[in-house]
Amino acid sequence: MNDSLVSHAASLVDPRRVDRRSFVVTSLGAGFALSVLPVSAQTITTSTEGLVAGEVKIPTPDGQMPAYRAMPAAGSAFPTILVVQEIFGVHEHIKDICRRLAKQGFFAIAPELYARQGDPSKVTDIGKLLGEIVSKVPDAQVLADLDATVAYAKSTGKADTVRLGITGFCWGGRIVYMYAAHNPAVRAGVAWYGVTAKGFVTGDRSPLDVAGQISAPILGLYGGADQGIPAETVEKMFAALRSGKSPKSEFTIYPDTPHAFNADYRPSYRKAQAEDAWAKMLAWFKLNL
């Protein structure tokens, strides 16, 4: 990544808004978050054959942040994809997303962005998870940690961070918009059912608030039966993107499809829509990175 762009991106995070605190989570757990059990029999598991995959530690001003990284075993200069977790943290599904992307030739990395606030894998109640962890993770911290993740990827000598993309799911889908607004070096984003009209922490802006700052083309993937994200808010977001600096942005709303339709470990999974959306995402990254 161009050093001037790194400096510009870093300057957009006000350090006064990032509380310095140590990491509660220092290593990723195995398996799935307790709050999503039992796991569906249709869960997809991607092998590590032909890959280098596993946990890594990302240097930050507060210490080492755990992350999951996957890339092809042979070669280098792989296009870089930041993978941003759902509200449940970096559990087995998010790790598998990284492996699936690595099988397609990407350097995919998912940092545990709640690591200072708590361990989402150990929380059994979604309401408690939202109240005690998610609502305490401010955007300023997240954006700085994603900057650190890009710097780590570059330092490996395996990732081409000039060809930088980001994808995220649910909570992470919103972060796709926020990080694209924050870092002008992002070349493409894919937001899976991310909210567009609000933040999760008091004082944080919404994607709609920053739409005019986004220059990267964004692909939005949404379910028409998502009770938490009305179609009109998605349409409003993409109208703002297209009328601003991102005229090539596109979105798909799948009719009669619920939230989290790509989460193959949950009852919300819809195979046909998930496979179509996954193909759209890969084509989007290969076109724009």
Protein backbone atom coordinates (compact mmCIF):
# COMPACT_ATOMS: atom_id res chain seq x y z
CA MET A 1 0.00 0.00 0.00
CA ASN A 2 1.24 3.50 -0.79
CA ASP A 3 2.77 4.97 2.39
CA SER A 4 0.98 8.30 1.91
CA LEU A 5 -2.35 6.49 1.79
CA VAL A 6 -1.50 4.61 4.99
CA SER A 7 -0.69 7.92 6.68
CA HIS A 8 -3.89 9.50 5.38
CA ALA A 9 -5.99 6.55 6.56
CA ALA A 10 -4.40 6.62 9.99
CA SER A 11 -5.03 10.34 10.30
CA LEU A 12 -8.78 9.79 9.96
CA VAL A 13 -8.89 7.94 13.29
CA ASP A 14 -8.87 10.39 16.15
CA PRO A 15 -6.51 8.77 18.71
CA ARG A 16 -8.38 10.52 21.50
CA ARG A 17 -11.40 8.34 20.69
CA VAL A 18 -9.49 5.06 20.95
CA ASP A 19 -9.37 3.95 24.57
CA ARG A 20 -6.04 2.32 25.34
CA ARG A 21 -6.83 -1.00 26.95
CA SER A 22 -5.25 -4.43 27.10
CA PHE A 23 -6.58 -7.45 25.27
CA VAL A 24 -9.01 -9.71 27.09
CA VAL A 25 -8.79 -12.28 24.29
CA THR A 26 -5.23 -13.21 23.38
CA SER A 27 -5.94 -16.32 21.33
CA LEU A 28 -8.78 -17.50 19.10
CA GLY A 29 -11.00 -20.28 20.36
CA ALA A 30 -11.83 -23.47 18.47
CA GLY A 31 -15.23 -24.32 17.04
CA PHE A 32 -18.30 -22.09 17.06
CA ALA A 33 -19.56 -19.39 19.40
CA LEU A 34 -21.75 -20.80 22.19
CA SER A 35 -24.56 -18.42 21.27
CA VAL A 36 -25.05 -20.11 17.87
CA LEU A 37 -25.23 -23.70 19.07
CA PRO A 38 -26.46 -26.20 18.03
CA VAL A 39 -24.69 -25.97 14.68
CA SER A 40 -26.58 -27.09 11.57
CA ALA A 41 -25.72 -30.32 9.78
CA GLN A 42 -25.38 -28.34 6.53
CA THR A 43 -22.32 -26.45 7.80
CA ILE A 44 -19.59 -26.11 5.18
CA THR A 45 -16.02 -27.03 6.15
CA THR A 46 -13.19 -26.09 3.81
CA SER A 47 -9.93 -28.02 4.09
CA THR A 48 -6.51 -26.43 4.51
CA GLU A 49 -5.06 -28.55 1.71
CA GLY A 50 -2.96 -26.32 -0.54
CA LEU A 51 -3.14 -23.47 1.97
CA VAL A 52 -1.19 -21.88 4.76
CA ALA A 53 -3.89 -21.23 7.34
CA GLY A 54 -4.08 -20.60 11.05
CA GLU A 55 -3.91 -18.08 13.86
CA VAL A 56 -1.55 -15.12 13.70
CA LYS A 57 -0.88 -12.18 16.01
CA ILE A 58 -1.21 -8.60 14.76
CA PRO A 59 0.88 -5.89 16.46
CA THR A 60 -1.15 -2.95 17.80
CA PRO A 61 -0.31 -0.17 20.27
CA ASP A 62 -2.10 -2.24 22.94
CA GLY A 63 -0.34 -5.54 22.27
CA GLN A 64 -0.90 -8.54 20.04
CA MET A 65 -4.38 -8.92 18.49
CA PRO A 66 -5.32 -12.49 17.48
CA ALA A 67 -6.48 -13.09 13.91
CA TYR A 68 -7.08 -15.93 11.49
CA ARG A 69 -5.16 -15.86 8.22
CA ALA A 70 -5.39 -18.10 5.15
CA MET A 71 -3.51 -17.92 1.83
CA PRO A 72 -2.33 -20.23 -0.94
CA ALA A 73 0.68 -22.33 0.06
CA ALA A 74 2.57 -21.46 -3.13
CA GLY A 75 3.24 -18.02 -4.53
CA SER A 76 3.07 -14.49 -3.17
CA ALA A 77 1.63 -11.03 -3.88
CA PHE A 78 -1.90 -12.30 -3.30
CA PRO A 79 -4.71 -9.72 -3.37
CA THR A 80 -5.67 -8.93 0.22
CA ILE A 81 -9.16 -9.38 1.65
CA LEU A 82 -10.05 -8.15 5.14
CA VAL A 83 -12.77 -10.43 6.51
CA VAL A 84 -14.89 -8.75 9.19
CA GLN A 85 -16.74 -10.93 11.67
CA GLU A 86 -20.41 -11.17 12.52
CA ILE A 87 -21.46 -10.18 16.04
CA PHE A 88 -20.26 -13.63 17.17
CA GLY A 89 -16.55 -12.93 16.64
CA VAL A 90 -13.98 -14.93 14.72
CA HIS A 91 -15.36 -18.43 15.17
CA GLU A 92 -15.22 -21.40 12.82
CA HIS A 93 -17.53 -19.96 10.16
CA ILE A 94 -15.42 -16.82 9.73
CA LYS A 95 -12.26 -18.93 9.63
CA ASP A 96 -13.86 -21.04 6.91
CA ILE A 97 -14.72 -17.90 4.93
CA CYS A 98 -11.00 -17.07 5.00
CA ARG A 99 -10.10 -20.54 3.75
CA ARG A 100 -12.67 -20.33 0.95
CA LEU A 101 -11.19 -17.03 -0.18
CA ALA A 102 -7.66 -18.42 0.03
CA LYS A 103 -8.70 -21.28 -2.26
CA GLN A 104 -9.53 -18.55 -4.81
CA GLY A 105 -6.04 -17.04 -4.59
CA PHE A 106 -6.54 -14.36 -1.94
CA PHE A 107 -4.67 -13.50 1.26
CA ALA A 108 -7.65 -13.45 3.64
CA ILE A 109 -7.37 -12.28 7.22
CA ALA A 110 -9.97 -11.88 9.98
CA PRO A 111 -8.86 -10.01 13.12
CA GLU A 112 -10.75 -10.58 16.38
CA LEU A 113 -12.10 -7.04 16.67
CA TYR A 114 -13.76 -7.55 20.07
CA ALA A 115 -10.55 -8.79 21.71
CA ARG A 116 -10.28 -5.85 24.14
CA GLN A 117 -13.90 -5.91 25.25
CA GLY A 118 -14.59 -9.61 25.76
CA ASP A 119 -14.76 -13.11 24.36
CA PRO A 120 -17.92 -13.53 22.25
CA SER A 121 -17.28 -17.26 21.84
CA LYS A 122 -18.06 -17.84 25.53
CA VAL A 123 -21.33 -15.89 25.68
CA THR A 124 -24.50 -17.97 25.35
CA ASP A 125 -27.08 -15.18 25.20
CA ILE A 126 -27.25 -12.85 22.17
CA GLY A 127 -28.76 -10.02 24.20
CA LYS A 128 -25.88 -10.21 26.67
CA LEU A 129 -23.41 -10.36 23.79
CA LEU A 130 -24.84 -7.18 22.28
CA GLY A 131 -25.08 -5.34 25.59
CA GLU A 132 -21.80 -6.32 27.20
CA ILE A 133 -19.43 -6.60 24.25
CA VAL A 134 -20.71 -5.36 20.87
CA SER A 135 -22.10 -2.07 22.20
CA LYS A 136 -18.69 -1.28 23.72
CA VAL A 137 -16.60 -1.67 20.55
CA PRO A 138 -16.32 1.81 18.96
CA ASP A 139 -15.67 2.40 15.29
CA ALA A 140 -12.46 4.32 16.03
CA GLN A 141 -10.97 1.21 17.63
CA VAL A 142 -12.18 -1.06 14.82
CA LEU A 143 -10.82 1.16 12.05
CA ALA A 144 -7.44 1.46 13.77
CA ASP A 145 -7.29 -2.32 14.22
CA LEU A 146 -8.09 -2.86 10.54
CA ASP A 147 -5.30 -0.43 9.66
CA ALA A 148 -2.99 -2.56 11.83
CA THR A 149 -4.23 -5.66 10.03
CA VAL A 150 -3.36 -4.18 6.64
CA ALA A 151 0.10 -3.22 7.93
CA TYR A 152 0.61 -6.77 9.23
CA ALA A 153 -0.48 -8.29 5.91
CA LYS A 154 1.99 -6.07 4.07
CA SER A 155 4.79 -7.06 6.47
CA THR A 156 4.41 -10.76 5.63
CA GLY A 157 5.71 -10.26 2.10
CA LYS A 158 2.90 -12.48 0.85
CA ALA A 159 0.03 -10.01 0.55
CA ASP A 160 -0.40 -7.35 -2.10
CA THR A 161 -2.07 -4.63 -0.04
CA VAL A 162 -2.31 -2.32 -3.02
CA ARG A 163 -5.02 -4.71 -4.21
CA LEU A 164 -7.01 -4.32 -0.99
CA GLY A 165 -10.59 -5.51 -0.54
CA ILE A 166 -12.88 -5.94 2.43
CA THR A 167 -15.92 -8.09 3.11
CA GLY A 168 -18.02 -8.49 6.22
CA PHE A 169 -21.19 -10.07 7.53
CA CYS A 170 -23.96 -8.53 9.66
CA TRP A 171 -22.00 -6.35 12.15
CA GLY A 172 -19.06 -6.70 9.76
CA GLY A 173 -21.19 -5.75 6.78
CA ARG A 174 -21.64 -2.31 8.31
CA ILE A 175 -17.90 -2.09 8.93
CA VAL A 176 -17.28 -2.61 5.19
CA TYR A 177 -18.84 0.80 4.57
CA MET A 178 -17.13 2.47 7.51
CA TYR A 179 -13.67 1.20 6.59
CA ALA A 180 -14.08 2.06 2.93
CA ALA A 181 -14.91 5.62 4.01
CA HIS A 182 -11.93 5.66 6.37
CA ASN A 183 -9.26 4.18 4.08
CA PRO A 184 -9.10 5.49 0.51
CA ALA A 185 -6.72 2.65 -0.39
CA VAL A 186 -9.61 0.15 -0.32
CA ARG A 187 -10.29 -0.85 -3.92
CA ALA A 188 -13.50 -2.86 -3.43
CA GLY A 189 -15.91 -3.90 -0.70
CA VAL A 190 -18.64 -6.50 -0.34
CA ALA A 191 -21.15 -5.92 2.46
CA TRP A 192 -23.31 -8.89 3.44
CA TYR A 193 -26.52 -7.73 5.16
CA GLY A 194 -24.84 -4.86 6.97
CA VAL A 195 -27.02 -2.16 8.52
CA THR A 196 -26.80 1.18 6.71
CA ALA A 197 -28.71 3.59 8.92
CA LYS A 198 -27.17 3.31 12.40
CA GLY A 199 -24.12 2.55 14.52
CA PHE A 200 -23.82 0.10 17.41
CA VAL A 201 -22.03 2.43 19.83
CA THR A 202 -23.38 5.76 21.04
CA GLY A 203 -21.72 8.56 19.11
CA ASP A 204 -20.66 6.44 16.12
CA ARG A 205 -21.87 7.49 12.69
CA SER A 206 -23.91 5.37 10.29
CA PRO A 207 -22.85 4.20 6.81
CA LEU A 208 -25.32 6.71 5.38
CA ASP A 209 -23.46 9.47 7.22
CA VAL A 210 -20.18 8.56 5.49
CA ALA A 211 -21.48 7.44 2.09
CA GLY A 212 -20.12 10.57 0.42
CA GLN A 213 -16.59 9.69 1.56
CA ILE A 214 -16.57 6.24 -0.08
CA SER A 215 -14.78 6.01 -3.43
CA ALA A 216 -14.36 2.23 -3.67
CA PRO A 217 -17.08 0.29 -5.50
CA ILE A 218 -19.24 -1.54 -2.95
CA LEU A 219 -21.40 -4.59 -3.59
CA GLY A 220 -24.28 -5.00 -1.15
CA LEU A 221 -25.89 -8.43 -0.62
CA TYR A 222 -29.19 -8.41 1.26
CA GLY A 223 -32.26 -10.49 2.01
CA GLY A 224 -35.67 -9.12 1.15
CA ALA A 225 -37.18 -10.71 4.28
CA ASP A 226 -34.52 -9.28 6.62
CA GLN A 227 -36.67 -7.84 9.41
CA GLY A 228 -33.84 -5.69 10.75
CA ILE A 229 -32.77 -4.03 7.48
CA PRO A 230 -35.64 -2.59 5.43
CA ALA A 231 -35.06 -2.59 1.67
CA GLU A 232 -35.63 1.16 1.52
CA THR A 233 -32.58 1.79 3.75
CA VAL A 234 -30.43 -0.32 1.41
CA GLU A 235 -31.75 1.53 -1.62
CA LYS A 236 -31.10 4.88 0.06
CA MET A 237 -27.52 3.85 0.88
CA PHE A 238 -26.69 2.82 -2.65
CA ALA A 239 -28.34 5.89 -4.12
CA ALA A 240 -26.00 7.95 -1.92
CA LEU A 241 -22.97 5.93 -3.02
CA ARG A 242 -23.82 6.20 -6.71
CA SER A 243 -24.49 9.91 -6.57
CA GLY A 244 -21.21 10.45 -4.75
CA LYS A 245 -17.71 9.09 -5.37
CA SER A 246 -18.73 5.46 -5.95
CA PRO A 247 -20.95 5.40 -9.06
CA LYS A 248 -20.13 1.74 -9.82
CA SER A 249 -21.55 0.43 -6.53
CA GLU A 250 -24.29 -2.20 -6.87
CA PHE A 251 -26.62 -4.15 -4.63
CA THR A 252 -28.76 -7.27 -4.77
CA ILE A 253 -31.78 -7.91 -2.59
CA TYR A 254 -32.86 -11.55 -2.69
CA PRO A 255 -36.67 -11.87 -2.42
CA ASP A 256 -38.12 -13.82 0.51
CA THR A 257 -34.65 -14.27 2.00
CA PRO A 258 -33.81 -13.71 5.68
CA HIS A 259 -30.90 -12.04 7.40
CA ALA A 260 -27.69 -14.12 7.60
CA PHE A 261 -28.57 -16.20 4.56
CA ASN A 262 -24.89 -17.07 4.04
CA ALA A 263 -24.46 -18.44 7.57
CA ASP A 264 -24.45 -22.13 6.69
CA TYR A 265 -24.18 -23.15 10.35
CA ARG A 266 -27.54 -21.53 11.23
CA PRO A 267 -31.20 -22.10 10.26
CA SER A 268 -31.18 -18.81 8.32
CA TYR A 269 -28.96 -20.34 5.61
CA ARG A 270 -30.36 -20.31 2.09
CA LYS A 271 -28.13 -22.40 -0.16
CA ALA A 272 -29.17 -21.07 -3.57
CA GLN A 273 -28.99 -17.41 -2.56
CA ALA A 274 -25.71 -17.92 -0.66
CA GLU A 275 -24.05 -19.61 -3.63
CA ASP A 276 -25.24 -16.93 -6.02
CA ALA A 277 -24.05 -14.16 -3.70
CA TRP A 278 -20.69 -15.85 -3.17
CA ALA A 279 -20.17 -16.03 -6.95
CA LYS A 280 -21.09 -12.34 -7.22
CA MET A 281 -18.56 -11.49 -4.51
CA LEU A 282 -15.71 -13.37 -6.19
CA ALA A 283 -16.49 -11.75 -9.54
CA TRP A 284 -16.59 -8.33 -7.84
CA PHE A 285 -13.18 -8.75 -6.27
CA LYS A 286 -11.60 -10.17 -9.40
CA LEU A 287 -12.97 -7.25 -11.42
CA ASN A 288 -11.95 -4.50 -9.03
CA LEU A 289 -8.74 -5.65 -7.33
